[in-house]
Structures are given as C-alpha cells and as structure tokens.
PDB file of N, CA and C in Angstrom:
ATOM      1  N   MET A   1      32.168 -75.668  30.315  1.00  0.00           N
ATOM      2  CA  MET A   1      32.949 -75.143  30.229  1.00  0.00           C
ATOM      3  C   MET A   1      33.728 -73.944  31.331  1.00  0.00           C
ATOM      4  N   GLN A   2      34.358 -73.340  31.384  1.00  0.00           N
ATOM      5  CA  GLN A   2      34.371 -72.752  32.867  1.00  0.00           C
ATOM      6  C   GLN A   2      34.072 -71.505  32.097  1.00  0.00           C
ATOM      7  N   PRO A   3      34.286 -70.035  32.088  1.00  0.00           N
ATOM      8  CA  PRO A   3      34.256 -68.706  31.661  1.00  0.00           C
ATOM      9  C   PRO A   3      35.305 -68.310  32.020  1.00  0.00           C
ATOM     10  N   PRO A   4      36.029 -67.199  31.189  1.00  0.00           N
ATOM     11  CA  PRO A   4      37.176 -67.050  30.645  1.00  0.00           C
ATOM     12  C   PRO A   4      37.300 -66.159  32.511  1.00  0.00           C
ATOM     13  N   GLY A   5      38.861 -66.617  32.266  1.00  0.00           N
ATOM     14  CA  GLY A   5      38.781 -65.851  33.828  1.00  0.00           C
ATOM     15  C   GLY A   5      39.039 -63.982  32.895  1.00  0.00           C
ATOM     16  N   ILE A   6      39.179 -63.176  34.113  1.00  0.00           N
ATOM     17  CA  ILE A   6      39.063 -61.392  33.721  1.00  0.00           C
ATOM     18  C   ILE A   6      40.125 -61.087  34.336  1.00  0.00           C
ATOM     19  N   PRO A   7      41.421 -60.601  33.543  1.00  0.00           N
ATOM     20  CA  PRO A   7      42.431 -59.857  34.434  1.00  0.00           C
ATOM     21  C   PRO A   7      42.186 -58.877  35.701  1.00  0.00           C
ATOM     22  N   THR A   8      42.453 -58.879  37.004  1.00  0.00           N
ATOM     23  CA  THR A   8      41.720 -57.723  38.473  1.00  0.00           C
ATOM     24  C   THR A   8      42.473 -56.447  38.088  1.00  0.00           C
ATOM     25  N   LYS A   9      43.796 -56.442  37.610  1.00  0.00           N
ATOM     26  CA  LYS A   9      44.895 -55.236  37.577  1.00  0.00           C
ATOM     27  C   LYS A   9      46.089 -55.420  36.929  1.00  0.00           C
ATOM     28  N   THR A  10      46.640 -55.184  36.007  1.00  0.00           N
ATOM     29  CA  THR A  10      47.224 -55.284  35.817  1.00  0.00           C
ATOM     30  C   THR A  10      48.868 -53.582  35.311  1.00  0.00           C
ATOM     31  N   GLU A  11      49.290 -53.309  35.426  1.00  0.00           N
ATOM     32  CA  GLU A  11      50.098 -52.251  35.256  1.00  0.00           C
ATOM     33  C   GLU A  11      50.136 -51.581  34.065  1.00  0.00           C
ATOM     34  N   HIS A  12      49.984 -52.432  33.065  1.00  0.00           N
ATOM     35  CA  HIS A  12      50.513 -52.277  31.451  1.00  0.00           C
ATOM     36  C   HIS A  12      48.575 -51.870  30.968  1.00  0.00           C
ATOM     37  N   VAL A  13      48.082 -51.536  29.855  1.00  0.00           N
ATOM     38  CA  VAL A  13      47.641 -51.741  28.987  1.00  0.00           C
ATOM     39  C   VAL A  13      48.207 -51.202  28.009  1.00  0.00           C
ATOM     40  N   TYR A  14      48.154 -51.587  26.580  1.00  0.00           N
ATOM     41  CA  TYR A  14      48.533 -50.970  25.187  1.00  0.00           C
ATOM     42  C   TYR A  14      47.473 -51.495  24.119  1.00  0.00           C
ATOM     43  N   TRP A  15      47.221 -50.438  23.743  1.00  0.00           N
ATOM     44  CA  TRP A  15      46.678 -50.287  22.667  1.00  0.00           C
ATOM     45  C   TRP A  15      46.720 -49.484  21.443  1.00  0.00           C
ATOM     46  N   ASP A  16      46.577 -49.704  20.283  1.00  0.00           N
ATOM     47  CA  ASP A  16      47.166 -49.440  18.938  1.00  0.00           C
ATOM     48  C   ASP A  16      45.807 -48.796  17.870  1.00  0.00           C
ATOM     49  N   TYR A  17      45.166 -47.963  17.844  1.00  0.00           N
ATOM     50  CA  TYR A  17      44.597 -47.338  16.620  1.00  0.00           C
ATOM     51  C   TYR A  17      44.873 -47.429  15.472  1.00  0.00           C
ATOM     52  N   ASP A  18      43.942 -48.234  14.643  1.00  0.00           N
ATOM     53  CA  ASP A  18      43.953 -47.825  13.183  1.00  0.00           C
ATOM     54  C   ASP A  18      43.630 -47.310  12.692  1.00  0.00           C
ATOM     55  N   GLU A  19      43.767 -45.427  12.090  1.00  0.00           N
ATOM     56  CA  GLU A  19      43.034 -44.988  11.601  1.00  0.00           C
ATOM     57  C   GLU A  19      42.531 -45.003  10.366  1.00  0.00           C
ATOM     58  N   GLU A  20      43.290 -45.720   9.533  1.00  0.00           N
ATOM     59  CA  GLU A  20      41.906 -46.230   7.980  1.00  0.00           C
ATOM     60  C   GLU A  20      41.599 -46.603   8.736  1.00  0.00           C
ATOM     61  N   ALA A  21      41.524 -48.213   8.798  1.00  0.00           N
ATOM     62  CA  ALA A  21      39.837 -49.045   9.141  1.00  0.00           C
ATOM     63  C   ALA A  21      39.025 -48.675  10.437  1.00  0.00           C
ATOM     64  N   ASP A  22      39.544 -47.500  10.973  1.00  0.00           N
ATOM     65  CA  ASP A  22      38.672 -47.426  12.321  1.00  0.00           C
ATOM     66  C   ASP A  22      38.489 -48.621  13.450  1.00  0.00           C
ATOM     67  N   VAL A  23      39.764 -48.962  13.708  1.00  0.00           N
ATOM     68  CA  VAL A  23      39.883 -50.072  14.962  1.00  0.00           C
ATOM     69  C   VAL A  23      40.698 -49.998  16.084  1.00  0.00           C
ATOM     70  N   LEU A  24      40.577 -50.222  17.127  1.00  0.00           N
ATOM     71  CA  LEU A  24      40.865 -50.247  18.105  1.00  0.00           C
ATOM     72  C   LEU A  24      41.096 -51.459  18.421  1.00  0.00           C
ATOM     73  N   TYR A  25      42.502 -51.533  19.240  1.00  0.00           N
ATOM     74  CA  TYR A  25      42.968 -52.717  19.991  1.00  0.00           C
ATOM     75  C   TYR A  25      43.737 -53.001  21.092  1.00  0.00           C
ATOM     76  N   ILE A  26      42.877 -53.310  22.015  1.00  0.00           N
ATOM     77  CA  ILE A  26      43.423 -52.974  23.500  1.00  0.00           C
ATOM     78  C   ILE A  26      43.923 -53.868  24.398  1.00  0.00           C
ATOM     79  N   SER A  27      45.499 -54.521  24.442  1.00  0.00           N
ATOM     80  CA  SER A  27      46.022 -55.184  24.827  1.00  0.00           C
ATOM     81  C   SER A  27      46.313 -55.232  26.634  1.00  0.00           C
ATOM     82  N   VAL A  28      45.763 -55.996  27.168  1.00  0.00           N
ATOM     83  CA  VAL A  28      46.013 -56.378  28.762  1.00  0.00           C
ATOM     84  C   VAL A  28      47.165 -56.618  29.307  1.00  0.00           C
ATOM     85  N   GLY A  29      48.753 -55.911  29.547  1.00  0.00           N
ATOM     86  CA  GLY A  29      49.439 -56.573  29.455  1.00  0.00           C
ATOM     87  C   GLY A  29      50.647 -56.775  28.283  1.00  0.00           C
ATOM     88  N   GLU A  30      51.304 -57.020  28.028  1.00  0.00           N
ATOM     89  CA  GLU A  30      52.203 -57.440  26.812  1.00  0.00           C
ATOM     90  C   GLU A  30      51.441 -58.541  25.678  1.00  0.00           C
ATOM     91  N   PRO A  31      51.016 -58.363  24.522  1.00  0.00           N
ATOM     92  CA  PRO A  31      50.298 -58.669  23.807  1.00  0.00           C
ATOM     93  C   PRO A  31      50.623 -60.335  23.906  1.00  0.00           C
ATOM     94  N   VAL A  32      50.380 -60.901  24.069  1.00  0.00           N
ATOM     95  CA  VAL A  32      50.242 -62.815  23.592  1.00  0.00           C
ATOM     96  C   VAL A  32      49.230 -63.496  22.421  1.00  0.00           C
ATOM     97  N   LYS A  33      49.212 -64.461  22.213  1.00  0.00           N
ATOM     98  CA  LYS A  33      49.137 -65.161  21.029  1.00  0.00           C
ATOM     99  C   LYS A  33      47.709 -65.286  21.717  1.00  0.00           C
ATOM    100  N   ALA A  34      46.039 -65.204  21.225  1.00  0.00           N
ATOM    101  CA  ALA A  34      45.069 -65.185  21.502  1.00  0.00           C
ATOM    102  C   ALA A  34      43.873 -65.449  20.428  1.00  0.00           C
ATOM    103  N   VAL A  35      42.779 -66.686  21.027  1.00  0.00           N
ATOM    104  CA  VAL A  35      41.921 -66.828  19.482  1.00  0.00           C
ATOM    105  C   VAL A  35      41.128 -65.064  19.756  1.00  0.00           C
ATOM    106  N   GLY A  36      40.459 -65.077  18.772  1.00  0.00           N
ATOM    107  CA  GLY A  36      39.034 -63.705  18.629  1.00  0.00           C
ATOM    108  C   GLY A  36      38.285 -64.575  18.792  1.00  0.00           C
ATOM    109  N   LEU A  37      36.982 -64.511  19.440  1.00  0.00           N
ATOM    110  CA  LEU A  37      35.828 -64.635  20.180  1.00  0.00           C
ATOM    111  C   LEU A  37      34.883 -63.124  19.537  1.00  0.00           C
ATOM    112  N   ASP A  38      34.222 -63.605  18.526  1.00  0.00           N
ATOM    113  CA  ASP A  38      33.066 -62.531  18.082  1.00  0.00           C
ATOM    114  C   ASP A  38      32.060 -62.347  19.617  1.00  0.00           C
ATOM    115  N   ILE A  39      31.848 -61.312  19.953  1.00  0.00           N
ATOM    116  CA  ILE A  39      30.741 -60.862  20.721  1.00  0.00           C
ATOM    117  C   ILE A  39      29.586 -59.960  20.080  1.00  0.00           C
ATOM    118  N   GLY A  40      29.686 -59.970  19.081  1.00  0.00           N
ATOM    119  CA  GLY A  40      29.036 -59.059  18.299  1.00  0.00           C
ATOM    120  C   GLY A  40      29.488 -56.942  18.805  1.00  0.00           C
ATOM    121  N   GLY A  41      28.221 -56.470  18.069  1.00  0.00           N
ATOM    122  CA  GLY A  41      28.462 -55.318  18.026  1.00  0.00           C
ATOM    123  C   GLY A  41      29.622 -54.729  17.505  1.00  0.00           C
ATOM    124  N   GLY A  42      30.704 -55.115  16.909  1.00  0.00           N
ATOM    125  CA  GLY A  42      31.918 -54.734  16.816  1.00  0.00           C
ATOM    126  C   GLY A  42      32.833 -55.048  17.814  1.00  0.00           C
ATOM    127  N   VAL A  43      32.672 -55.816  18.407  1.00  0.00           N
ATOM    128  CA  VAL A  43      34.011 -55.820  19.440  1.00  0.00           C
ATOM    129  C   VAL A  43      33.911 -57.590  19.471  1.00  0.00           C
ATOM    130  N   ILE A  44      35.451 -57.591  19.910  1.00  0.00           N
ATOM    131  CA  ILE A  44      36.010 -59.419  19.405  1.00  0.00           C
ATOM    132  C   ILE A  44      37.128 -59.620  20.794  1.00  0.00           C
ATOM    133  N   VAL A  45      36.697 -60.496  21.513  1.00  0.00           N
ATOM    134  CA  VAL A  45      38.032 -60.568  22.906  1.00  0.00           C
ATOM    135  C   VAL A  45      39.035 -61.148  22.662  1.00  0.00           C
ATOM    136  N   ARG A  46      39.938 -60.876  22.949  1.00  0.00           N
ATOM    137  CA  ARG A  46      40.915 -61.564  22.405  1.00  0.00           C
ATOM    138  C   ARG A  46      41.068 -62.810  23.370  1.00  0.00           C
ATOM    139  N   TYR A  47      40.946 -64.164  23.528  1.00  0.00           N
ATOM    140  CA  TYR A  47      41.340 -64.980  24.771  1.00  0.00           C
ATOM    141  C   TYR A  47      42.725 -66.318  24.823  1.00  0.00           C
ATOM    142  N   SER A  48      43.450 -65.852  25.835  1.00  0.00           N
ATOM    143  CA  SER A  48      44.713 -66.769  25.795  1.00  0.00           C
ATOM    144  C   SER A  48      43.834 -68.469  26.177  1.00  0.00           C
ATOM    145  N   GLU A  49      43.812 -69.104  25.510  1.00  0.00           N
ATOM    146  CA  GLU A  49      43.534 -70.749  25.559  1.00  0.00           C
ATOM    147  C   GLU A  49      44.386 -71.030  26.629  1.00  0.00           C
ATOM    148  N   GLU A  50      46.112 -70.531  26.846  1.00  0.00           N
ATOM    149  CA  GLU A  50      47.182 -71.154  27.494  1.00  0.00           C
ATOM    150  C   GLU A  50      46.874 -70.798  29.022  1.00  0.00           C
ATOM    151  N   ARG A  51      46.727 -69.427  29.164  1.00  0.00           N
ATOM    152  CA  ARG A  51      45.969 -68.989  30.276  1.00  0.00           C
ATOM    153  C   ARG A  51      44.516 -68.925  31.058  1.00  0.00           C
ATOM    154  N   GLY A  52      44.052 -69.480  30.162  1.00  0.00           N
ATOM    155  CA  GLY A  52      42.884 -69.150  30.232  1.00  0.00           C
ATOM    156  C   GLY A  52      41.983 -67.927  30.938  1.00  0.00           C
ATOM    157  N   GLU A  53      42.277 -66.724  29.983  1.00  0.00           N
ATOM    158  CA  GLU A  53      41.814 -65.504  30.255  1.00  0.00           C
ATOM    159  C   GLU A  53      41.654 -64.291  29.229  1.00  0.00           C
ATOM    160  N   ILE A  54      40.525 -63.532  29.629  1.00  0.00           N
ATOM    161  CA  ILE A  54      40.452 -63.123  28.728  1.00  0.00           C
ATOM    162  C   ILE A  54      42.457 -62.318  28.340  1.00  0.00           C
ATOM    163  N   VAL A  55      43.019 -61.267  27.436  1.00  0.00           N
ATOM    164  CA  VAL A  55      43.995 -60.642  27.152  1.00  0.00           C
ATOM    165  C   VAL A  55      43.701 -59.370  26.576  1.00  0.00           C
ATOM    166  N   GLY A  56      42.372 -58.604  25.965  1.00  0.00           N
ATOM    167  CA  GLY A  56      42.263 -57.686  24.659  1.00  0.00           C
ATOM    168  C   GLY A  56      40.988 -58.086  24.167  1.00  0.00           C
ATOM    169  N   LEU A  57      41.002 -56.676  23.773  1.00  0.00           N
ATOM    170  CA  LEU A  57      40.016 -56.549  22.708  1.00  0.00           C
ATOM    171  C   LEU A  57      40.135 -55.785  21.677  1.00  0.00           C
ATOM    172  N   THR A  58      39.620 -56.135  20.511  1.00  0.00           N
ATOM    173  CA  THR A  58      39.612 -55.717  19.357  1.00  0.00           C
ATOM    174  C   THR A  58      38.216 -54.465  19.057  1.00  0.00           C
ATOM    175  N   ILE A  59      37.882 -54.142  18.721  1.00  0.00           N
ATOM    176  CA  ILE A  59      36.416 -52.480  18.497  1.00  0.00           C
ATOM    177  C   ILE A  59      36.355 -52.041  17.431  1.00  0.00           C
ATOM    178  N   ILE A  60      35.880 -52.811  16.205  1.00  0.00           N
ATOM    179  CA  ILE A  60      35.816 -52.188  15.338  1.00  0.00           C
ATOM    180  C   ILE A  60      34.592 -51.416  15.184  1.00  0.00           C
ATOM    181  N   GLY A  61      34.654 -50.259  13.834  1.00  0.00           N
ATOM    182  CA  GLY A  61      34.316 -48.663  14.232  1.00  0.00           C
ATOM    183  C   GLY A  61      34.364 -47.814  15.245  1.00  0.00           C
ATOM    184  N   ILE A  62      35.041 -48.088  15.680  1.00  0.00           N
ATOM    185  CA  ILE A  62      34.622 -47.530  17.072  1.00  0.00           C
ATOM    186  C   ILE A  62      34.662 -45.387  17.075  1.00  0.00           C
ATOM    187  N   ARG A  63      35.732 -44.956  16.003  1.00  0.00           N
ATOM    188  CA  ARG A  63      35.491 -43.654  15.600  1.00  0.00           C
ATOM    189  C   ARG A  63      33.631 -43.516  15.416  1.00  0.00           C
ATOM    190  N   GLU A  64      33.588 -44.312  14.164  1.00  0.00           N
ATOM    191  CA  GLU A  64      32.425 -43.958  13.400  1.00  0.00           C
ATOM    192  C   GLU A  64      31.431 -44.657  14.742  1.00  0.00           C
ATOM    193  N   ARG A  65      30.690 -45.330  15.705  1.00  0.00           N
ATOM    194  CA  ARG A  65      30.216 -45.822  16.728  1.00  0.00           C
ATOM    195  C   ARG A  65      30.116 -44.748  17.359  1.00  0.00           C
ATOM    196  N   SER A  66      31.602 -43.843  17.939  1.00  0.00           N
ATOM    197  CA  SER A  66      31.679 -42.972  18.611  1.00  0.00           C
ATOM    198  C   SER A  66      30.481 -41.550  18.339  1.00  0.00           C
ATOM    199  N   LEU A  67      30.789 -41.801  16.807  1.00  0.00           N
ATOM    200  CA  LEU A  67      30.254 -40.021  16.365  1.00  0.00           C
ATOM    201  C   LEU A  67      28.668 -40.221  16.555  1.00  0.00           C
ATOM    202  N   ARG A  68      27.884 -41.420  15.720  1.00  0.00           N
ATOM    203  CA  ARG A  68      26.495 -41.331  15.966  1.00  0.00           C
ATOM    204  C   ARG A  68      26.031 -41.393  17.278  1.00  0.00           C
ATOM    205  N   ALA A  69      26.901 -42.353  18.288  1.00  0.00           N
ATOM    206  CA  ALA A  69      26.331 -42.203  19.845  1.00  0.00           C
ATOM    207  C   ALA A  69      26.090 -40.351  20.188  1.00  0.00           C
ATOM    208  N   LEU A  70      27.267 -39.512  19.740  1.00  0.00           N
ATOM    209  CA  LEU A  70      27.046 -38.304  20.096  1.00  0.00           C
ATOM    210  C   LEU A  70      25.746 -37.870  19.300  1.00  0.00           C
ATOM    211  N   ARG A  71      25.755 -37.777  18.427  1.00  0.00           N
ATOM    212  CA  ARG A  71      25.157 -37.000  17.542  1.00  0.00           C
ATOM    213  C   ARG A  71      23.200 -37.779  17.776  1.00  0.00           C
ATOM    214  N   GLN A  72      23.295 -38.699  18.018  1.00  0.00           N
ATOM    215  CA  GLN A  72      21.924 -39.379  18.716  1.00  0.00           C
ATOM    216  C   GLN A  72      21.640 -38.877  20.421  1.00  0.00           C
ATOM    217  N   GLU A  73      22.580 -37.899  21.148  1.00  0.00           N
ATOM    218  CA  GLU A  73      22.778 -37.287  22.403  1.00  0.00           C
ATOM    219  C   GLU A  73      22.568 -36.049  22.051  1.00  0.00           C
ATOM    220  N   GLY A  74      22.816 -35.237  20.852  1.00  0.00           N
ATOM    221  CA  GLY A  74      22.698 -34.031  20.781  1.00  0.00           C
ATOM    222  C   GLY A  74      21.669 -33.569  20.260  1.00  0.00           C
TER     223      GLY A  74
END
C-alpha cells in the first residue's frame, strides 16, 4: 500500500469548530467525501480514497487539551 499523499499547497483551508463538542474540523480545499483514519491522540485524518491523499483533519477535545498543555507549561 502506498502512503497517503499530502497536499503541498492549497489556496483554501476551511475549518469549523463545534464548541459544544470541542471538536475542530479542518479541510484542505473544498470538503470532499473521505474516510476517517484514527491516528490516536484525538486526531482523525480525513483521507480521500479517490484522490489518494489526505484532505483534512478532525481534532477532538482541542480546547481542553490546549488548556491542559498551557497549565503544564505554567
């Protein structure tokens, strides 16, 4: 199996944050149909089988994890 392609440059990156669920959705280019690959740590890679490349990320608990990291640094 070939490793997924990673877009090198795009003019558009779209994101949406669900505050109630604390989930950040990021799409590289226009959102397209994709499968989710859970890579751990609350990160899901969105992979387009048709294109053979990564088309986005879903980050679960981003606010809470960011606050926890900031507290550890301080």
